[in-house]
Amino acid sequence: MDYNRFLKERARDERGSVEIPENIQWQTRAAPPTELENRLGDALERVFGRGIEALHEVVEMLNAEGSRDADGLPWTEASFQATLRRLGA
């Protein structure tokens, strides 16, 4: 299972909160990951696997691999940071 079916789904821009667990195993997502989240996660694994950690280098490598943001545009440092903030909320 890609997500915890016991958690209620929340709007993407809604801040996260701690819920009282109900039979929660290891997963704390309320919904399966989106296609963007899956692609970005895969791309970040490759980038970090190469030892790249500086923000400007991460963004540069994502763009070199052809990864794009939610609007289909090349990543910028600002769009990458905003996406990570949104996904981490």
Foldseek 3Di string as FASTA:
>chain_A
DQADCVDADDDLQDDDDDDDDDPDDPHHHNDHDDPLVVVVVVLVCVCVVVVDDDLVSSLVSCVVVVRAAPVSHRDDSVRVVVVVVSVVD
